[in-house]
Amino acid sequence: MTAPVWDLARLNYEPMQASDLDEVFALEQRVYPYPWTMANFVDSLNSNYEAWVLRERDGHLLGYFLLMAVVDESHLLNVAVSAEKQGQGLGRFLLNQAVACSRGLGMESVLLEVRPSNTRALQIYERYGFKQIGRRKGYYPAANQQREDAIVMRFQV
């Protein structure tokens, strides 16, 4: 089975609004075992971080990303694609948009953290060109009140 080819010109890619947050939060809850809280999303919007949603023409939420610009580097805080649409090129589209957004802001690189256990995301980032530059010990919550490290990756814009 081949993945559908998305006509990205026919999708709606637009800034995230407060009115999107219930849907964004619901998608977050479905795709991550340790999701962001609603307060994380509200704080990001209130801080005027770059936050974008991707929707089908019928309004169905496909994914989103949030990006914080700091001095000369963007920090990709969160990116997600609806579980039923993963593996169809939408994650790469959102990464392209995050990098383009960073470039437009005059940033030199994009930084992100990813769980070592999230092998699918690691592969996506590595194929895209992100390089591992470090590790944050005990960065993420994990099962049984444990913590999981984060692999820190950077992409030169």
C-alpha atoms as a PDB file:
ATOM      1  CA  MET A   1       0.000   0.000   0.000  1.00  0.00           C
ATOM      2  CA  THR A   2       1.446   3.371  -0.969  1.00  0.00           C
ATOM      3  CA  ALA A   3       0.861   6.515   1.027  1.00  0.00           C
ATOM      4  CA  PRO A   4      -1.422   9.086  -0.548  1.00  0.00           C
ATOM      5  CA  VAL A   5       0.192  12.006  -2.271  1.00  0.00           C
ATOM      6  CA  TRP A   6      -0.915  15.190  -0.550  1.00  0.00           C
ATOM      7  CA  ASP A   7      -1.651  18.227  -2.634  1.00  0.00           C
ATOM      8  CA  LEU A   8      -0.213  20.546  -0.024  1.00  0.00           C
ATOM      9  CA  ALA A   9      -1.577  23.570  -1.858  1.00  0.00           C
ATOM     10  CA  ARG A  10      -5.049  22.264  -1.037  1.00  0.00           C
ATOM     11  CA  LEU A  11      -4.415  22.004   2.696  1.00  0.00           C
ATOM     12  CA  ASN A  12      -4.893  24.816   5.161  1.00  0.00           C
ATOM     13  CA  TYR A  13      -1.657  25.806   6.887  1.00  0.00           C
ATOM     14  CA  GLU A  14      -2.237  28.704   9.249  1.00  0.00           C
ATOM     15  CA  PRO A  15      -1.180  30.244  12.557  1.00  0.00           C
ATOM     16  CA  MET A  16      -2.514  28.440  15.606  1.00  0.00           C
ATOM     17  CA  GLN A  17      -5.228  30.374  17.402  1.00  0.00           C
ATOM     18  CA  ALA A  18      -6.683  30.005  20.888  1.00  0.00           C
ATOM     19  CA  SER A  19      -9.769  28.540  19.187  1.00  0.00           C
ATOM     20  CA  ASP A  20      -7.588  25.648  17.906  1.00  0.00           C
ATOM     21  CA  LEU A  21      -6.362  24.611  21.336  1.00  0.00           C
ATOM     22  CA  ASP A  22      -9.056  22.083  22.236  1.00  0.00           C
ATOM     23  CA  GLU A  23      -8.409  20.151  19.018  1.00  0.00           C
ATOM     24  CA  VAL A  24      -4.632  20.520  19.293  1.00  0.00           C
ATOM     25  CA  PHE A  25      -4.717  19.311  22.893  1.00  0.00           C
ATOM     26  CA  ALA A  26      -6.908  16.324  21.939  1.00  0.00           C
ATOM     27  CA  LEU A  27      -4.498  15.355  19.146  1.00  0.00           C
ATOM     28  CA  GLU A  28      -1.568  15.729  21.558  1.00  0.00           C
ATOM     29  CA  GLN A  29      -3.303  13.387  24.016  1.00  0.00           C
ATOM     30  CA  ARG A  30      -3.794  10.764  21.304  1.00  0.00           C
ATOM     31  CA  VAL A  31      -0.244  10.710  19.909  1.00  0.00           C
ATOM     32  CA  TYR A  32       2.038  11.133  22.932  1.00  0.00           C
ATOM     33  CA  PRO A  33       2.278   8.907  26.014  1.00  0.00           C
ATOM     34  CA  TYR A  34       3.368  11.946  28.066  1.00  0.00           C
ATOM     35  CA  PRO A  35       1.570  14.844  26.379  1.00  0.00           C
ATOM     36  CA  TRP A  36       1.868  18.540  26.966  1.00  0.00           C
ATOM     37  CA  THR A  37      -0.703  20.077  29.266  1.00  0.00           C
ATOM     38  CA  MET A  38      -3.241  22.583  28.017  1.00  0.00           C
ATOM     39  CA  ALA A  39      -1.316  25.189  30.015  1.00  0.00           C
ATOM     40  CA  ASN A  40       1.819  24.456  27.928  1.00  0.00           C
ATOM     41  CA  PHE A  41      -0.086  25.323  24.759  1.00  0.00           C
ATOM     42  CA  VAL A  42      -1.761  28.386  26.274  1.00  0.00           C
ATOM     43  CA  ASP A  43       1.581  29.674  27.591  1.00  0.00           C
ATOM     44  CA  SER A  44       3.202  29.156  24.180  1.00  0.00           C
ATOM     45  CA  LEU A  45       0.496  31.156  22.418  1.00  0.00           C
ATOM     46  CA  ASN A  46       0.586  33.855  25.095  1.00  0.00           C
ATOM     47  CA  SER A  47       4.368  34.065  24.624  1.00  0.00           C
ATOM     48  CA  ASN A  48       3.834  34.643  20.885  1.00  0.00           C
ATOM     49  CA  TYR A  49       5.853  31.594  19.889  1.00  0.00           C
ATOM     50  CA  GLU A  50       5.517  30.516  16.298  1.00  0.00           C
ATOM     51  CA  ALA A  51       2.623  28.049  16.409  1.00  0.00           C
ATOM     52  CA  TRP A  52       1.036  26.607  13.272  1.00  0.00           C
ATOM     53  CA  VAL A  53      -1.663  24.099  12.416  1.00  0.00           C
ATOM     54  CA  LEU A  54      -2.191  22.002   9.313  1.00  0.00           C
ATOM     55  CA  ARG A  55      -5.737  21.084   8.357  1.00  0.00           C
ATOM     56  CA  GLU A  56      -7.552  19.348   5.546  1.00  0.00           C
ATOM     57  CA  ARG A  57      -9.948  21.579   3.602  1.00  0.00           C
ATOM     58  CA  ASP A  58     -12.843  20.124   5.621  1.00  0.00           C
ATOM     59  CA  GLY A  59     -11.176  21.474   8.763  1.00  0.00           C
ATOM     60  CA  HIS A  60      -9.871  18.127  10.095  1.00  0.00           C
ATOM     61  CA  LEU A  61      -6.697  18.795  12.103  1.00  0.00           C
ATOM     62  CA  LEU A  62      -3.732  16.910  10.623  1.00  0.00           C
ATOM     63  CA  GLY A  63      -0.887  18.300  12.737  1.00  0.00           C
ATOM     64  CA  TYR A  64       0.893  21.261  14.257  1.00  0.00           C
ATOM     65  CA  PHE A  65       4.207  22.612  15.477  1.00  0.00           C
ATOM     66  CA  LEU A  66       5.398  25.187  18.005  1.00  0.00           C
ATOM     67  CA  LEU A  67       8.709  26.972  17.686  1.00  0.00           C
ATOM     68  CA  MET A  68      10.478  29.361  20.040  1.00  0.00           C
ATOM     69  CA  ALA A  69      13.098  31.754  18.619  1.00  0.00           C
ATOM     70  CA  VAL A  70      16.007  32.559  20.954  1.00  0.00           C
ATOM     71  CA  VAL A  71      18.798  34.876  19.782  1.00  0.00           C
ATOM     72  CA  ASP A  72      20.005  33.049  16.631  1.00  0.00           C
ATOM     73  CA  GLU A  73      18.474  29.608  17.166  1.00  0.00           C
ATOM     74  CA  SER A  74      14.932  28.274  17.020  1.00  0.00           C
ATOM     75  CA  HIS A  75      13.819  25.612  19.449  1.00  0.00           C
ATOM     76  CA  LEU A  76      11.252  23.200  18.008  1.00  0.00           C
ATOM     77  CA  LEU A  77       9.179  22.705  21.131  1.00  0.00           C
ATOM     78  CA  ASN A  78       6.516  20.370  19.810  1.00  0.00           C
ATOM     79  CA  VAL A  79       5.500  18.814  16.515  1.00  0.00           C
ATOM     80  CA  ALA A  80       2.787  16.231  15.958  1.00  0.00           C
ATOM     81  CA  VAL A  81       0.861  14.558  13.171  1.00  0.00           C
ATOM     82  CA  SER A  82      -2.466  12.822  13.703  1.00  0.00           C
ATOM     83  CA  ALA A  83      -1.814   9.097  14.301  1.00  0.00           C
ATOM     84  CA  GLU A  84      -3.957   7.966  11.372  1.00  0.00           C
ATOM     85  CA  LYS A  85      -2.058  10.279   8.992  1.00  0.00           C
ATOM     86  CA  GLN A  86       1.503   9.462  10.099  1.00  0.00           C
ATOM     87  CA  GLY A  87       3.865   8.055   7.496  1.00  0.00           C
ATOM     88  CA  GLN A  88       2.296  10.099   4.695  1.00  0.00           C
ATOM     89  CA  GLY A  89       4.750  12.996   4.443  1.00  0.00           C
ATOM     90  CA  LEU A  90       2.957  15.445   6.704  1.00  0.00           C
ATOM     91  CA  GLY A  91       5.664  15.362   9.374  1.00  0.00           C
ATOM     92  CA  ARG A  92       8.249  16.290   6.759  1.00  0.00           C
ATOM     93  CA  PHE A  93       5.967  19.084   5.541  1.00  0.00           C
ATOM     94  CA  LEU A  94       5.733  20.459   9.092  1.00  0.00           C
ATOM     95  CA  LEU A  95       9.522  20.199   9.528  1.00  0.00           C
ATOM     96  CA  ASN A  96       9.970  22.059   6.230  1.00  0.00           C
ATOM     97  CA  GLN A  97       7.657  24.777   7.499  1.00  0.00           C
ATOM     98  CA  ALA A  98       9.439  25.008  10.866  1.00  0.00           C
ATOM     99  CA  VAL A  99      12.803  25.361   9.122  1.00  0.00           C
ATOM    100  CA  ALA A 100      11.383  27.946   6.692  1.00  0.00           C
ATOM    101  CA  CYS A 101       9.878  29.842   9.617  1.00  0.00           C
ATOM    102  CA  SER A 102      13.252  29.773  11.402  1.00  0.00           C
ATOM    103  CA  ARG A 103      15.015  30.986   8.286  1.00  0.00           C
ATOM    104  CA  GLY A 104      12.466  33.785   7.917  1.00  0.00           C
ATOM    105  CA  LEU A 105      13.176  34.861  11.490  1.00  0.00           C
ATOM    106  CA  GLY A 106      16.896  35.049  10.717  1.00  0.00           C
ATOM    107  CA  MET A 107      17.792  32.022  12.820  1.00  0.00           C
ATOM    108  CA  GLU A 108      20.970  30.032  12.103  1.00  0.00           C
ATOM    109  CA  SER A 109      19.755  26.657  13.366  1.00  0.00           C
ATOM    110  CA  VAL A 110      16.850  24.654  14.767  1.00  0.00           C
ATOM    111  CA  LEU A 111      17.287  22.735  18.015  1.00  0.00           C
ATOM    112  CA  LEU A 112      15.048  19.966  19.352  1.00  0.00           C
ATOM    113  CA  GLU A 113      14.937  17.218  21.949  1.00  0.00           C
ATOM    114  CA  VAL A 114      13.644  13.714  21.273  1.00  0.00           C
ATOM    115  CA  ARG A 115      13.293  10.594  23.400  1.00  0.00           C
ATOM    116  CA  PRO A 116      15.769   7.808  22.609  1.00  0.00           C
ATOM    117  CA  SER A 117      12.773   5.444  22.735  1.00  0.00           C
ATOM    118  CA  ASN A 118      11.042   7.409  19.963  1.00  0.00           C
ATOM    119  CA  THR A 119      12.967   5.648  17.220  1.00  0.00           C
ATOM    120  CA  ARG A 120      10.535   6.689  14.498  1.00  0.00           C
ATOM    121  CA  ALA A 121      11.005  10.387  15.263  1.00  0.00           C
ATOM    122  CA  LEU A 122      14.775   9.921  15.547  1.00  0.00           C
ATOM    123  CA  GLN A 123      14.859   8.378  12.079  1.00  0.00           C
ATOM    124  CA  ILE A 124      12.749  11.191  10.640  1.00  0.00           C
ATOM    125  CA  TYR A 125      15.004  13.865  12.142  1.00  0.00           C
ATOM    126  CA  GLU A 126      18.195  12.111  11.055  1.00  0.00           C
ATOM    127  CA  ARG A 127      16.905  11.649   7.482  1.00  0.00           C
ATOM    128  CA  TYR A 128      15.984  15.323   7.446  1.00  0.00           C
ATOM    129  CA  GLY A 129      19.540  16.285   8.390  1.00  0.00           C
ATOM    130  CA  PHE A 130      19.363  16.925  12.136  1.00  0.00           C
ATOM    131  CA  LYS A 131      22.587  15.934  13.925  1.00  0.00           C
ATOM    132  CA  GLN A 132      22.877  14.685  17.492  1.00  0.00           C
ATOM    133  CA  ILE A 133      24.772  17.234  19.560  1.00  0.00           C
ATOM    134  CA  GLY A 134      24.124  16.154  23.137  1.00  0.00           C
ATOM    135  CA  ARG A 135      21.981  14.479  25.729  1.00  0.00           C
ATOM    136  CA  ARG A 136      19.874  15.821  28.582  1.00  0.00           C
ATOM    137  CA  LYS A 137      19.798  13.336  31.459  1.00  0.00           C
ATOM    138  CA  GLY A 138      16.377  12.589  32.947  1.00  0.00           C
ATOM    139  CA  TYR A 139      14.658  15.178  30.751  1.00  0.00           C
ATOM    140  CA  TYR A 140      11.347  13.394  30.058  1.00  0.00           C
ATOM    141  CA  PRO A 141       8.852  11.718  32.390  1.00  0.00           C
ATOM    142  CA  ALA A 142       8.649   7.963  31.854  1.00  0.00           C
ATOM    143  CA  ALA A 143       6.750   4.944  33.178  1.00  0.00           C
ATOM    144  CA  ASN A 144       6.820   4.030  36.876  1.00  0.00           C
ATOM    145  CA  GLN A 145       7.828   7.534  37.929  1.00  0.00           C
ATOM    146  CA  GLN A 146      11.137   7.167  36.112  1.00  0.00           C
ATOM    147  CA  ARG A 147      12.802   9.678  33.793  1.00  0.00           C
ATOM    148  CA  GLU A 148      14.093   9.275  30.237  1.00  0.00           C
ATOM    149  CA  ASP A 149      16.995  11.142  28.689  1.00  0.00           C
ATOM    150  CA  ALA A 150      16.560  13.447  25.712  1.00  0.00           C
ATOM    151  CA  ILE A 151      18.736  13.367  22.640  1.00  0.00           C
ATOM    152  CA  VAL A 152      19.472  16.952  21.612  1.00  0.00           C
ATOM    153  CA  MET A 153      19.607  17.517  17.850  1.00  0.00           C
ATOM    154  CA  ARG A 154      20.402  20.515  15.689  1.00  0.00           C
ATOM    155  CA  PHE A 155      19.756  21.406  12.051  1.00  0.00           C
ATOM    156  CA  GLN A 156      21.745  24.205  10.443  1.00  0.00           C
ATOM    157  CA  VAL A 157      19.310  26.471   8.589  1.00  0.00           C
END
